[in-house]
Amino acid sequence: MLHVINFSTHAIHLDQFERDWEQVRAFVTRLGLDGIELLIGDDPPPDLPAGLVRGVHLPYWIRWVEIWRAGADAAVSPEEREFLAGGARDASHMVALQRRLWRQAATLRPEYAVFHVGHVTLEESFTRRYAFSAEAVVNATIDLLNATAATFPGGEPPVRLWLENLWWPGLTFADPALAEAFVQRLRFENWGFVLDTGHLINTCPDITDEEAAIDLVFERLARLSPQVRARIEGLHLSLSLSGAYQRGAPTLPDGFAALPFAERYGLARDHVARIDEHRPFATPRCREIVAAARPRVITHELLRLDRDELERNLGLQYRALTGAPPTGGSHATL
C-alpha cells in the first residue's frame, strides 16, 4: 500500500517549498512517503524529479453539465465556461479537452488520474437547490468518459482513471445504484474508484464527531455492491466535521448575482473550504476504514497553511492509522 500527500502546481503549495520541486522530493523522502498526488492544470505539467508523482488529479470541472447538454445555448457566462468548465464550448470540445488532459497526465507516468464526478453552480453551493439530479450528473459523466475513451487506441484511456465522490450531485456513494451504473455502463476497463472520506461525511450534516463519521463511512461501504467495492482502489483520507456550519450556513449572500465573477467565485470558494475541512483523523478506528476499503493508495489530503502544519497533521493521522510516525520522520511533532 502506497502513502502519498496531495500537492499541486499552484502557488499555494509551491511557495511553501520555495517553488523548488527538489525540496518537495526531499520532504516526501524524509517522511518515508511514497510520493505525491499532483493536481495539474490545463497547461502541460512541469519537469519533475523522477518517481515523485505517483498519481495525478485532473482539473475539476465544477459546472459543465449544461454545456455538455446544450453547448453554445447553455446559460453559462464566458467567465464561468473558462474557470468552471475548462473553457469548453460544447460536448465535442469537452471530449477534446479531456483527451488532452488524459494525455498530459499520462506523460507523468502515474499509477492513476483522479476525475471528480460532480456538478454545482456557485449559487447552488450555497442554496443546495440543484438544477441537476445526482442521476443526471452521473449519466452525463458516463457519456463523457465513454466518448473520450473511444478516441484512444483500443478504446482505453492512456492512464487509469479513478472516479472520486463529492457531496454535490453526482457520485456521492449515498445511492449504491449510481455507483453501480459506472460498473455496468463504462465501456472501458482502465478505471477504478477513489473514496474521499471527507466528501462522504459532508453529505450528512448531522455528523458531529469522529466516531459517528467513521460509522457513516462503514454504513455507506456496506451498502455498495461487491462489484463497486472491488473497484475502490484509492482512499483520500481526511476528516470533515462541518455539520454545524452546514446546518447554519448562510443563504446566498445579499446581492450575489450582481457581483463580478471573481467576487462570486471567491465567496463560494471560502464557503466550500468551510464545508470540506480536511482535518486529520485522530482515532485509531480510521484503520478500520482502510481495512474495509482495501485501497492500493492512501492520499493524506490534509489542510496545511505551511509546511509545519502539514507535518503536524500528517503525523497525527499517520499515528492514528499505523500507531507510529511516518517512517523516517525526524521532527518531534511526528
C-alpha atoms as a PDB file:
ATOM      1  CA  MET A   1       0.000   0.000   0.000  1.00  0.00           C
ATOM      2  CA  LEU A   2       1.329   3.419  -1.002  1.00  0.00           C
ATOM      3  CA  HIS A   3       1.097   6.545   1.166  1.00  0.00           C
ATOM      4  CA  VAL A   4       1.159   9.884  -0.641  1.00  0.00           C
ATOM      5  CA  ILE A   5       0.217  13.511   0.016  1.00  0.00           C
ATOM      6  CA  ASN A   6      -1.794  15.749  -2.251  1.00  0.00           C
ATOM      7  CA  PHE A   7       0.079  18.539  -3.969  1.00  0.00           C
ATOM      8  CA  SER A   8      -0.483  20.901  -6.887  1.00  0.00           C
ATOM      9  CA  THR A   9       1.233  23.131  -9.392  1.00  0.00           C
ATOM     10  CA  HIS A  10      -0.431  26.143  -7.730  1.00  0.00           C
ATOM     11  CA  ALA A  11       1.453  28.798  -5.785  1.00  0.00           C
ATOM     12  CA  ILE A  12      -0.400  27.941  -2.563  1.00  0.00           C
ATOM     13  CA  HIS A  13       1.589  24.705  -2.421  1.00  0.00           C
ATOM     14  CA  LEU A  14       4.749  25.535  -4.343  1.00  0.00           C
ATOM     15  CA  ASP A  15       5.520  28.676  -2.339  1.00  0.00           C
ATOM     16  CA  GLN A  16       5.746  26.538   0.823  1.00  0.00           C
ATOM     17  CA  PHE A  17       8.745  24.855  -0.801  1.00  0.00           C
ATOM     18  CA  GLU A  18      10.274  27.946  -2.407  1.00  0.00           C
ATOM     19  CA  ARG A  19       8.986  26.730  -5.781  1.00  0.00           C
ATOM     20  CA  ASP A  20      11.662  24.037  -5.702  1.00  0.00           C
ATOM     21  CA  TRP A  21      10.478  20.546  -6.656  1.00  0.00           C
ATOM     22  CA  GLU A  22      13.652  19.050  -5.206  1.00  0.00           C
ATOM     23  CA  GLN A  23      12.592  20.382  -1.803  1.00  0.00           C
ATOM     24  CA  VAL A  24       9.260  18.661  -2.286  1.00  0.00           C
ATOM     25  CA  ARG A  25      11.024  15.425  -3.141  1.00  0.00           C
ATOM     26  CA  ALA A  26      13.309  15.741  -0.105  1.00  0.00           C
ATOM     27  CA  PHE A  27      10.334  16.418   2.175  1.00  0.00           C
ATOM     28  CA  VAL A  28       8.479  13.353   0.919  1.00  0.00           C
ATOM     29  CA  THR A  29      11.583  11.180   1.193  1.00  0.00           C
ATOM     30  CA  ARG A  30      12.392  12.329   4.724  1.00  0.00           C
ATOM     31  CA  LEU A  31       8.926  11.390   5.904  1.00  0.00           C
ATOM     32  CA  GLY A  32       9.156   7.997   4.269  1.00  0.00           C
ATOM     33  CA  LEU A  33       6.176   8.647   1.998  1.00  0.00           C
ATOM     34  CA  ASP A  34       5.919   7.177  -1.479  1.00  0.00           C
ATOM     35  CA  GLY A  35       5.321  10.390  -3.425  1.00  0.00           C
ATOM     36  CA  ILE A  36       2.606  12.900  -4.269  1.00  0.00           C
ATOM     37  CA  GLU A  37      -0.760  13.013  -5.953  1.00  0.00           C
ATOM     38  CA  LEU A  38      -0.376  16.066  -8.171  1.00  0.00           C
ATOM     39  CA  LEU A  39      -3.260  18.329  -9.149  1.00  0.00           C
ATOM     40  CA  ILE A  40      -2.421  19.537 -12.630  1.00  0.00           C
ATOM     41  CA  GLY A  41      -3.813  22.493 -14.564  1.00  0.00           C
ATOM     42  CA  ASP A  42      -4.751  22.889 -18.185  1.00  0.00           C
ATOM     43  CA  ASP A  43      -1.137  23.526 -19.227  1.00  0.00           C
ATOM     44  CA  PRO A  44       1.415  20.716 -19.676  1.00  0.00           C
ATOM     45  CA  PRO A  45       2.896  19.713 -16.306  1.00  0.00           C
ATOM     46  CA  PRO A  46       6.444  20.851 -15.444  1.00  0.00           C
ATOM     47  CA  ASP A  47       9.529  18.681 -15.396  1.00  0.00           C
ATOM     48  CA  LEU A  48       9.551  16.884 -12.061  1.00  0.00           C
ATOM     49  CA  PRO A  49      12.005  14.666 -10.153  1.00  0.00           C
ATOM     50  CA  ALA A  50      11.730  11.063 -11.287  1.00  0.00           C
ATOM     51  CA  GLY A  51       9.408   8.936  -9.186  1.00  0.00           C
ATOM     52  CA  LEU A  52       7.886  11.858  -7.263  1.00  0.00           C
ATOM     53  CA  VAL A  53       4.440  11.735  -8.876  1.00  0.00           C
ATOM     54  CA  ARG A  54       2.524   8.561  -8.057  1.00  0.00           C
ATOM     55  CA  GLY A  55      -0.899   9.890  -9.004  1.00  0.00           C
ATOM     56  CA  VAL A  56      -2.438  12.818 -10.832  1.00  0.00           C
ATOM     57  CA  HIS A  57      -5.575  14.772 -10.005  1.00  0.00           C
ATOM     58  CA  LEU A  58      -7.253  16.158 -13.112  1.00  0.00           C
ATOM     59  CA  PRO A  59      -8.749  19.669 -13.024  1.00  0.00           C
ATOM     60  CA  TYR A  60     -12.277  19.640 -11.654  1.00  0.00           C
ATOM     61  CA  TRP A  61     -14.918  20.998 -13.996  1.00  0.00           C
ATOM     62  CA  ILE A  62     -17.264  22.410 -11.395  1.00  0.00           C
ATOM     63  CA  ARG A  63     -20.095  23.444 -13.748  1.00  0.00           C
ATOM     64  CA  TRP A  64     -20.217  21.577 -17.004  1.00  0.00           C
ATOM     65  CA  VAL A  65     -23.396  19.533 -17.494  1.00  0.00           C
ATOM     66  CA  GLU A  66     -25.333  22.414 -19.080  1.00  0.00           C
ATOM     67  CA  ILE A  67     -22.592  22.815 -21.656  1.00  0.00           C
ATOM     68  CA  TRP A  68     -22.463  19.072 -22.300  1.00  0.00           C
ATOM     69  CA  ARG A  69     -26.188  19.117 -22.989  1.00  0.00           C
ATOM     70  CA  ALA A  70     -26.762  22.479 -24.672  1.00  0.00           C
ATOM     71  CA  GLY A  71     -23.409  23.673 -25.994  1.00  0.00           C
ATOM     72  CA  ALA A  72     -23.455  27.303 -27.069  1.00  0.00           C
ATOM     73  CA  ASP A  73     -27.090  27.595 -25.920  1.00  0.00           C
ATOM     74  CA  ALA A  74     -26.173  26.851 -22.297  1.00  0.00           C
ATOM     75  CA  ALA A  75     -26.845  29.785 -19.974  1.00  0.00           C
ATOM     76  CA  VAL A  76     -23.241  29.852 -18.768  1.00  0.00           C
ATOM     77  CA  SER A  77     -21.196  33.045 -18.924  1.00  0.00           C
ATOM     78  CA  PRO A  78     -17.863  33.091 -20.775  1.00  0.00           C
ATOM     79  CA  GLU A  79     -16.044  33.516 -17.445  1.00  0.00           C
ATOM     80  CA  GLU A  80     -17.779  30.519 -15.951  1.00  0.00           C
ATOM     81  CA  ARG A  81     -17.013  28.432 -19.024  1.00  0.00           C
ATOM     82  CA  GLU A  82     -13.353  29.346 -18.645  1.00  0.00           C
ATOM     83  CA  PHE A  83     -12.962  28.899 -14.885  1.00  0.00           C
ATOM     84  CA  LEU A  84     -15.600  26.268 -14.114  1.00  0.00           C
ATOM     85  CA  ALA A  85     -15.622  24.094 -17.235  1.00  0.00           C
ATOM     86  CA  GLY A  86     -12.151  24.345 -18.733  1.00  0.00           C
ATOM     87  CA  GLY A  87     -13.291  26.752 -21.434  1.00  0.00           C
ATOM     88  CA  ALA A  88     -15.439  24.083 -23.081  1.00  0.00           C
ATOM     89  CA  ARG A  89     -17.846  25.271 -25.796  1.00  0.00           C
ATOM     90  CA  ASP A  90     -19.863  22.099 -26.367  1.00  0.00           C
ATOM     91  CA  ALA A  91     -19.786  18.320 -25.937  1.00  0.00           C
ATOM     92  CA  SER A  92     -17.280  17.633 -28.711  1.00  0.00           C
ATOM     93  CA  HIS A  93     -14.947  20.309 -27.352  1.00  0.00           C
ATOM     94  CA  MET A  94     -15.247  18.756 -23.887  1.00  0.00           C
ATOM     95  CA  VAL A  95     -14.144  15.412 -25.265  1.00  0.00           C
ATOM     96  CA  ALA A  96     -11.153  17.054 -26.941  1.00  0.00           C
ATOM     97  CA  LEU A  97     -10.199  18.866 -23.729  1.00  0.00           C
ATOM     98  CA  GLN A  98     -10.478  15.705 -21.632  1.00  0.00           C
ATOM     99  CA  ARG A  99      -8.429  13.809 -24.189  1.00  0.00           C
ATOM    100  CA  ARG A 100      -5.672  16.415 -23.872  1.00  0.00           C
ATOM    101  CA  LEU A 101      -5.766  16.267 -20.058  1.00  0.00           C
ATOM    102  CA  TRP A 102      -5.577  12.470 -20.041  1.00  0.00           C
ATOM    103  CA  ARG A 103      -2.599  12.534 -22.393  1.00  0.00           C
ATOM    104  CA  GLN A 104      -0.843  15.192 -20.297  1.00  0.00           C
ATOM    105  CA  ALA A 105      -1.428  13.166 -17.151  1.00  0.00           C
ATOM    106  CA  ALA A 106      -0.019  10.071 -18.847  1.00  0.00           C
ATOM    107  CA  THR A 107       3.269  11.860 -19.575  1.00  0.00           C
ATOM    108  CA  LEU A 108       3.972  11.816 -15.819  1.00  0.00           C
ATOM    109  CA  ARG A 109       3.614   8.014 -15.811  1.00  0.00           C
ATOM    110  CA  PRO A 110       1.333   7.961 -12.764  1.00  0.00           C
ATOM    111  CA  GLU A 111      -0.477   4.930 -11.471  1.00  0.00           C
ATOM    112  CA  TYR A 112      -3.793   6.756 -11.768  1.00  0.00           C
ATOM    113  CA  ALA A 113      -5.526  10.048 -12.582  1.00  0.00           C
ATOM    114  CA  VAL A 114      -8.446  11.275 -10.457  1.00  0.00           C
ATOM    115  CA  PHE A 115     -11.646  12.565 -12.066  1.00  0.00           C
ATOM    116  CA  HIS A 116     -14.247  14.337  -9.877  1.00  0.00           C
ATOM    117  CA  VAL A 117     -17.808  13.190 -10.564  1.00  0.00           C
ATOM    118  CA  GLY A 118     -19.943  16.173  -9.667  1.00  0.00           C
ATOM    119  CA  HIS A 119     -21.612  19.360 -10.836  1.00  0.00           C
ATOM    120  CA  VAL A 120     -22.599  22.523  -8.969  1.00  0.00           C
ATOM    121  CA  THR A 121     -23.053  26.198  -9.731  1.00  0.00           C
ATOM    122  CA  LEU A 122     -21.657  28.878  -7.468  1.00  0.00           C
ATOM    123  CA  GLU A 123     -25.186  29.748  -6.357  1.00  0.00           C
ATOM    124  CA  GLU A 124     -26.101  26.118  -5.693  1.00  0.00           C
ATOM    125  CA  SER A 125     -23.109  25.677  -3.403  1.00  0.00           C
ATOM    126  CA  PHE A 126     -24.980  27.978  -1.005  1.00  0.00           C
ATOM    127  CA  THR A 127     -28.635  27.200  -1.687  1.00  0.00           C
ATOM    128  CA  ARG A 128     -28.400  23.454  -2.380  1.00  0.00           C
ATOM    129  CA  ARG A 129     -31.296  23.868  -4.792  1.00  0.00           C
ATOM    130  CA  TYR A 130     -29.755  21.944  -7.664  1.00  0.00           C
ATOM    131  CA  ALA A 131     -30.753  22.129 -11.313  1.00  0.00           C
ATOM    132  CA  PHE A 132     -29.452  18.623 -11.998  1.00  0.00           C
ATOM    133  CA  SER A 133     -30.030  15.452 -10.021  1.00  0.00           C
ATOM    134  CA  ALA A 134     -27.246  13.103  -8.985  1.00  0.00           C
ATOM    135  CA  GLU A 135     -28.513  10.655 -11.612  1.00  0.00           C
ATOM    136  CA  ALA A 136     -28.337  13.274 -14.369  1.00  0.00           C
ATOM    137  CA  VAL A 137     -24.751  14.156 -13.452  1.00  0.00           C
ATOM    138  CA  VAL A 138     -23.699  10.504 -13.313  1.00  0.00           C
ATOM    139  CA  ASN A 139     -25.308   9.821 -16.694  1.00  0.00           C
ATOM    140  CA  ALA A 140     -23.555  12.809 -18.272  1.00  0.00           C
ATOM    141  CA  THR A 141     -20.231  11.732 -16.723  1.00  0.00           C
ATOM    142  CA  ILE A 142     -20.541   8.210 -18.101  1.00  0.00           C
ATOM    143  CA  ASP A 143     -21.262   9.608 -21.556  1.00  0.00           C
ATOM    144  CA  LEU A 144     -18.278  11.994 -21.363  1.00  0.00           C
ATOM    145  CA  LEU A 145     -15.884   9.297 -20.171  1.00  0.00           C
ATOM    146  CA  ASN A 146     -17.039   6.764 -22.762  1.00  0.00           C
ATOM    147  CA  ALA A 147     -16.796   9.308 -25.583  1.00  0.00           C
ATOM    148  CA  THR A 148     -13.297  10.372 -24.527  1.00  0.00           C
ATOM    149  CA  ALA A 149     -12.000   6.834 -24.034  1.00  0.00           C
ATOM    150  CA  ALA A 150     -13.243   5.914 -27.507  1.00  0.00           C
ATOM    151  CA  THR A 151     -10.761   8.379 -29.043  1.00  0.00           C
ATOM    152  CA  PHE A 152      -7.796   6.311 -27.804  1.00  0.00           C
ATOM    153  CA  PRO A 153      -6.393   3.103 -29.332  1.00  0.00           C
ATOM    154  CA  GLY A 154      -8.409   0.126 -28.174  1.00  0.00           C
ATOM    155  CA  GLY A 155     -10.922   2.450 -26.526  1.00  0.00           C
ATOM    156  CA  GLU A 156      -8.853   2.556 -23.320  1.00  0.00           C
ATOM    157  CA  PRO A 157      -7.579   5.691 -21.504  1.00  0.00           C
ATOM    158  CA  PRO A 158      -3.780   6.111 -21.511  1.00  0.00           C
ATOM    159  CA  VAL A 159      -3.841   6.372 -17.710  1.00  0.00           C
ATOM    160  CA  ARG A 160      -6.020   4.543 -15.194  1.00  0.00           C
ATOM    161  CA  LEU A 161      -8.929   6.801 -14.230  1.00  0.00           C
ATOM    162  CA  TRP A 162     -10.066   6.927 -10.623  1.00  0.00           C
ATOM    163  CA  LEU A 163     -13.554   8.378 -10.151  1.00  0.00           C
ATOM    164  CA  GLU A 164     -13.944  10.437  -6.968  1.00  0.00           C
ATOM    165  CA  ASN A 165     -17.065  11.133  -4.921  1.00  0.00           C
ATOM    166  CA  LEU A 166     -18.238  14.588  -3.855  1.00  0.00           C
ATOM    167  CA  TRP A 167     -21.167  15.895  -1.821  1.00  0.00           C
ATOM    168  CA  TRP A 168     -22.637  17.758  -4.801  1.00  0.00           C
ATOM    169  CA  PRO A 169     -24.971  15.985  -7.273  1.00  0.00           C
ATOM    170  CA  GLY A 170     -23.037  13.159  -8.904  1.00  0.00           C
ATOM    171  CA  LEU A 171     -21.132  10.299  -7.305  1.00  0.00           C
ATOM    172  CA  THR A 172     -21.648  10.512  -3.529  1.00  0.00           C
ATOM    173  CA  PHE A 173     -21.814   6.798  -2.587  1.00  0.00           C
ATOM    174  CA  ALA A 174     -25.146   7.616  -0.923  1.00  0.00           C
ATOM    175  CA  ASP A 175     -27.059   5.825  -3.695  1.00  0.00           C
ATOM    176  CA  PRO A 176     -25.480   2.419  -4.432  1.00  0.00           C
ATOM    177  CA  ALA A 177     -27.289   2.216  -7.779  1.00  0.00           C
ATOM    178  CA  LEU A 178     -25.498   5.295  -9.108  1.00  0.00           C
ATOM    179  CA  ALA A 179     -22.099   3.838  -8.234  1.00  0.00           C
ATOM    180  CA  GLU A 180     -23.170   0.570  -9.854  1.00  0.00           C
ATOM    181  CA  ALA A 181     -24.059   2.476 -13.035  1.00  0.00           C
ATOM    182  CA  PHE A 182     -20.366   3.058 -13.716  1.00  0.00           C
ATOM    183  CA  VAL A 183     -19.652  -0.662 -13.394  1.00  0.00           C
ATOM    184  CA  GLN A 184     -22.461  -1.522 -15.782  1.00  0.00           C
ATOM    185  CA  ARG A 185     -22.123   1.231 -18.382  1.00  0.00           C
ATOM    186  CA  LEU A 186     -18.494   2.281 -18.745  1.00  0.00           C
ATOM    187  CA  ARG A 187     -17.234   0.704 -21.968  1.00  0.00           C
ATOM    188  CA  PHE A 188     -13.563   0.538 -20.950  1.00  0.00           C
ATOM    189  CA  GLU A 189     -11.668  -1.277 -18.210  1.00  0.00           C
ATOM    190  CA  ASN A 190      -8.869   1.087 -17.229  1.00  0.00           C
ATOM    191  CA  TRP A 191     -10.652   2.686 -14.272  1.00  0.00           C
ATOM    192  CA  GLY A 192     -11.490   2.439 -10.572  1.00  0.00           C
ATOM    193  CA  PHE A 193     -12.997   4.454  -7.713  1.00  0.00           C
ATOM    194  CA  VAL A 194     -11.253   6.626  -5.136  1.00  0.00           C
ATOM    195  CA  LEU A 195     -13.221   7.088  -1.920  1.00  0.00           C
ATOM    196  CA  ASP A 196     -12.849  10.525  -0.347  1.00  0.00           C
ATOM    197  CA  THR A 197     -13.857  10.121   3.294  1.00  0.00           C
ATOM    198  CA  GLY A 198     -14.251  13.838   3.970  1.00  0.00           C
ATOM    199  CA  HIS A 199     -16.508  14.310   0.955  1.00  0.00           C
ATOM    200  CA  LEU A 200     -18.627  11.348   2.012  1.00  0.00           C
ATOM    201  CA  ILE A 201     -19.012  12.727   5.543  1.00  0.00           C
ATOM    202  CA  ASN A 202     -20.023  16.121   4.115  1.00  0.00           C
ATOM    203  CA  THR A 203     -23.155  14.522   2.646  1.00  0.00           C
ATOM    204  CA  CYS A 204     -24.562  14.121   6.177  1.00  0.00           C
ATOM    205  CA  PRO A 205     -24.604  17.416   8.116  1.00  0.00           C
ATOM    206  CA  ASP A 206     -25.938  15.611  11.201  1.00  0.00           C
ATOM    207  CA  ILE A 207     -22.475  14.121  11.814  1.00  0.00           C
ATOM    208  CA  THR A 208     -20.818  15.953  14.705  1.00  0.00           C
ATOM    209  CA  ASP A 209     -17.965  13.734  15.917  1.00  0.00           C
ATOM    210  CA  GLU A 210     -15.229  11.492  14.602  1.00  0.00           C
ATOM    211  CA  GLU A 211     -16.772   8.224  15.776  1.00  0.00           C
ATOM    212  CA  ALA A 212     -20.074   8.964  14.017  1.00  0.00           C
ATOM    213  CA  ALA A 213     -18.156   9.965  10.892  1.00  0.00           C
ATOM    214  CA  ILE A 214     -16.392   6.602  10.765  1.00  0.00           C
ATOM    215  CA  ASP A 215     -19.680   4.784  11.348  1.00  0.00           C
ATOM    216  CA  LEU A 216     -21.155   6.645   8.362  1.00  0.00           C
ATOM    217  CA  VAL A 217     -18.277   5.568   6.109  1.00  0.00           C
ATOM    218  CA  PHE A 218     -18.803   1.941   7.163  1.00  0.00           C
ATOM    219  CA  GLU A 219     -22.547   2.189   6.556  1.00  0.00           C
ATOM    220  CA  ARG A 220     -22.057   3.572   3.043  1.00  0.00           C
ATOM    221  CA  LEU A 221     -19.405   0.982   2.187  1.00  0.00           C
ATOM    222  CA  ALA A 222     -21.602  -1.871   3.408  1.00  0.00           C
ATOM    223  CA  ARG A 223     -24.409  -0.845   1.062  1.00  0.00           C
ATOM    224  CA  LEU A 224     -22.237  -0.944  -2.062  1.00  0.00           C
ATOM    225  CA  SER A 225     -22.272  -3.984  -4.330  1.00  0.00           C
ATOM    226  CA  PRO A 226     -19.255  -6.310  -4.342  1.00  0.00           C
ATOM    227  CA  GLN A 227     -18.510  -5.124  -7.894  1.00  0.00           C
ATOM    228  CA  VAL A 228     -18.333  -1.493  -6.768  1.00  0.00           C
ATOM    229  CA  ARG A 229     -16.280  -2.254  -3.661  1.00  0.00           C
ATOM    230  CA  ALA A 230     -13.807  -4.230  -5.768  1.00  0.00           C
ATOM    231  CA  ARG A 231     -13.277  -1.098  -7.866  1.00  0.00           C
ATOM    232  CA  ILE A 232     -12.287   1.079  -4.872  1.00  0.00           C
ATOM    233  CA  GLU A 233      -8.549   1.372  -5.409  1.00  0.00           C
ATOM    234  CA  GLY A 234      -7.715   4.644  -3.686  1.00  0.00           C
ATOM    235  CA  LEU A 235      -8.567   6.458  -0.475  1.00  0.00           C
ATOM    236  CA  HIS A 236      -8.458  10.212   0.061  1.00  0.00           C
ATOM    237  CA  LEU A 237      -8.193  10.157   3.817  1.00  0.00           C
ATOM    238  CA  SER A 238      -9.344  13.157   5.818  1.00  0.00           C
ATOM    239  CA  LEU A 239     -11.995  14.089   8.354  1.00  0.00           C
ATOM    240  CA  SER A 240     -14.631  16.778   7.929  1.00  0.00           C
ATOM    241  CA  LEU A 241     -16.917  17.737  10.802  1.00  0.00           C
ATOM    242  CA  SER A 242     -18.590  20.789   9.323  1.00  0.00           C
ATOM    243  CA  GLY A 243     -22.140  19.752  10.191  1.00  0.00           C
ATOM    244  CA  ALA A 244     -22.750  22.716  12.497  1.00  0.00           C
ATOM    245  CA  TYR A 245     -21.580  25.132   9.801  1.00  0.00           C
ATOM    246  CA  GLN A 246     -23.646  23.409   7.128  1.00  0.00           C
ATOM    247  CA  ARG A 247     -26.798  23.442   9.231  1.00  0.00           C
ATOM    248  CA  GLY A 248     -26.373  27.127   9.954  1.00  0.00           C
ATOM    249  CA  ALA A 249     -24.675  28.025   6.700  1.00  0.00           C
ATOM    250  CA  PRO A 250     -25.591  31.367   5.198  1.00  0.00           C
ATOM    251  CA  THR A 251     -28.051  31.531   2.369  1.00  0.00           C
ATOM    252  CA  LEU A 252     -26.953  33.150  -0.839  1.00  0.00           C
ATOM    253  CA  PRO A 253     -25.090  36.342   0.114  1.00  0.00           C
ATOM    254  CA  ASP A 254     -27.017  39.552  -0.485  1.00  0.00           C
ATOM    255  CA  GLY A 255     -26.559  40.880  -3.993  1.00  0.00           C
ATOM    256  CA  PHE A 256     -24.615  37.770  -5.023  1.00  0.00           C
ATOM    257  CA  ALA A 257     -25.871  37.683  -8.613  1.00  0.00           C
ATOM    258  CA  ALA A 258     -24.781  41.274  -9.247  1.00  0.00           C
ATOM    259  CA  LEU A 259     -21.215  40.768  -8.042  1.00  0.00           C
ATOM    260  CA  PRO A 260     -18.329  40.369 -10.517  1.00  0.00           C
ATOM    261  CA  PHE A 261     -17.480  36.753 -11.218  1.00  0.00           C
ATOM    262  CA  ALA A 262     -14.185  36.894  -9.297  1.00  0.00           C
ATOM    263  CA  GLU A 263     -16.007  38.011  -6.140  1.00  0.00           C
ATOM    264  CA  ARG A 264     -18.728  35.386  -6.504  1.00  0.00           C
ATOM    265  CA  TYR A 265     -16.106  32.700  -7.052  1.00  0.00           C
ATOM    266  CA  GLY A 266     -14.116  33.848  -4.026  1.00  0.00           C
ATOM    267  CA  LEU A 267     -17.164  33.766  -1.750  1.00  0.00           C
ATOM    268  CA  ALA A 268     -18.122  30.306  -2.967  1.00  0.00           C
ATOM    269  CA  ARG A 269     -14.541  29.029  -2.605  1.00  0.00           C
ATOM    270  CA  ASP A 270     -14.350  30.248   1.001  1.00  0.00           C
ATOM    271  CA  HIS A 271     -17.769  28.724   1.737  1.00  0.00           C
ATOM    272  CA  VAL A 272     -16.715  25.357   0.312  1.00  0.00           C
ATOM    273  CA  ALA A 273     -13.470  25.441   2.315  1.00  0.00           C
ATOM    274  CA  ARG A 274     -15.535  25.747   5.498  1.00  0.00           C
ATOM    275  CA  ILE A 275     -17.560  22.684   4.479  1.00  0.00           C
ATOM    276  CA  ASP A 276     -14.637  20.493   3.400  1.00  0.00           C
ATOM    277  CA  GLU A 277     -12.312  20.795   6.383  1.00  0.00           C
ATOM    278  CA  HIS A 278      -9.531  18.296   5.552  1.00  0.00           C
ATOM    279  CA  ARG A 279      -8.814  17.551   9.209  1.00  0.00           C
ATOM    280  CA  PRO A 280      -6.604  14.615  10.175  1.00  0.00           C
ATOM    281  CA  PHE A 281      -8.177  11.573  11.777  1.00  0.00           C
ATOM    282  CA  ALA A 282      -7.037  11.125  15.377  1.00  0.00           C
ATOM    283  CA  THR A 283      -8.723   7.876  16.396  1.00  0.00           C
ATOM    284  CA  PRO A 284      -7.159   4.505  15.559  1.00  0.00           C
ATOM    285  CA  ARG A 285     -10.581   3.492  14.238  1.00  0.00           C
ATOM    286  CA  CYS A 286      -9.577   5.076  10.936  1.00  0.00           C
ATOM    287  CA  ARG A 287      -7.614   1.840  10.423  1.00  0.00           C
ATOM    288  CA  GLU A 288     -10.981   0.111  10.115  1.00  0.00           C
ATOM    289  CA  ILE A 289     -11.834   2.282   7.106  1.00  0.00           C
ATOM    290  CA  VAL A 290      -8.647   1.159   5.410  1.00  0.00           C
ATOM    291  CA  ALA A 291      -9.377  -2.478   6.242  1.00  0.00           C
ATOM    292  CA  ALA A 292     -12.888  -2.178   4.799  1.00  0.00           C
ATOM    293  CA  ALA A 293     -11.937  -0.261   1.636  1.00  0.00           C
ATOM    294  CA  ARG A 294      -8.649  -2.115   0.978  1.00  0.00           C
ATOM    295  CA  PRO A 295      -7.109   0.648  -1.151  1.00  0.00           C
ATOM    296  CA  ARG A 296      -3.847   0.404  -3.063  1.00  0.00           C
ATOM    297  CA  VAL A 297      -3.040   4.062  -2.356  1.00  0.00           C
ATOM    298  CA  ILE A 298      -3.851   6.306   0.605  1.00  0.00           C
ATOM    299  CA  THR A 299      -3.659  10.014  -0.126  1.00  0.00           C
ATOM    300  CA  HIS A 300      -3.345  12.043   3.068  1.00  0.00           C
ATOM    301  CA  GLU A 301      -5.376  15.030   1.859  1.00  0.00           C
ATOM    302  CA  LEU A 302      -4.876  17.396   4.777  1.00  0.00           C
ATOM    303  CA  LEU A 303      -5.190  21.097   5.427  1.00  0.00           C
ATOM    304  CA  ARG A 304      -1.915  22.942   5.609  1.00  0.00           C
ATOM    305  CA  LEU A 305      -1.173  26.637   5.715  1.00  0.00           C
ATOM    306  CA  ASP A 306       2.541  25.904   5.757  1.00  0.00           C
ATOM    307  CA  ARG A 307       4.985  23.024   5.792  1.00  0.00           C
ATOM    308  CA  ASP A 308       4.990  22.707   9.580  1.00  0.00           C
ATOM    309  CA  GLU A 309       1.209  22.383   9.741  1.00  0.00           C
ATOM    310  CA  LEU A 310       1.344  19.695   7.080  1.00  0.00           C
ATOM    311  CA  GLU A 311       3.871  17.751   9.172  1.00  0.00           C
ATOM    312  CA  ARG A 312       1.747  18.082  12.307  1.00  0.00           C
ATOM    313  CA  ASN A 313      -1.481  16.986  10.630  1.00  0.00           C
ATOM    314  CA  LEU A 314       0.228  14.195   8.734  1.00  0.00           C
ATOM    315  CA  GLY A 315       1.902  12.984  11.919  1.00  0.00           C
ATOM    316  CA  LEU A 316      -1.401  12.921  13.799  1.00  0.00           C
ATOM    317  CA  GLN A 317      -3.221  10.980  11.107  1.00  0.00           C
ATOM    318  CA  TYR A 318      -0.338   8.637  10.396  1.00  0.00           C
ATOM    319  CA  ARG A 319      -0.059   7.759  14.089  1.00  0.00           C
ATOM    320  CA  ALA A 320      -3.780   7.050  14.259  1.00  0.00           C
ATOM    321  CA  LEU A 321      -3.523   4.913  11.158  1.00  0.00           C
ATOM    322  CA  THR A 322      -0.379   2.932  11.933  1.00  0.00           C
ATOM    323  CA  GLY A 323       0.498   3.530  15.587  1.00  0.00           C
ATOM    324  CA  ALA A 324       3.788   5.112  14.546  1.00  0.00           C
ATOM    325  CA  PRO A 325       5.015   8.299  12.844  1.00  0.00           C
ATOM    326  CA  PRO A 326       5.798   8.295   9.143  1.00  0.00           C
ATOM    327  CA  THR A 327       8.951   6.279   8.526  1.00  0.00           C
ATOM    328  CA  GLY A 328      11.979   8.473   8.626  1.00  0.00           C
ATOM    329  CA  GLY A 329      10.205  11.399  10.318  1.00  0.00           C
ATOM    330  CA  SER A 330      12.651  13.362  12.409  1.00  0.00           C
ATOM    331  CA  HIS A 331      10.566  16.166  13.971  1.00  0.00           C
ATOM    332  CA  ALA A 332       9.191  15.859  17.473  1.00  0.00           C
ATOM    333  CA  THR A 333       5.719  16.612  16.100  1.00  0.00           C
ATOM    334  CA  LEU A 334       5.857  13.293  14.248  1.00  0.00           C
END
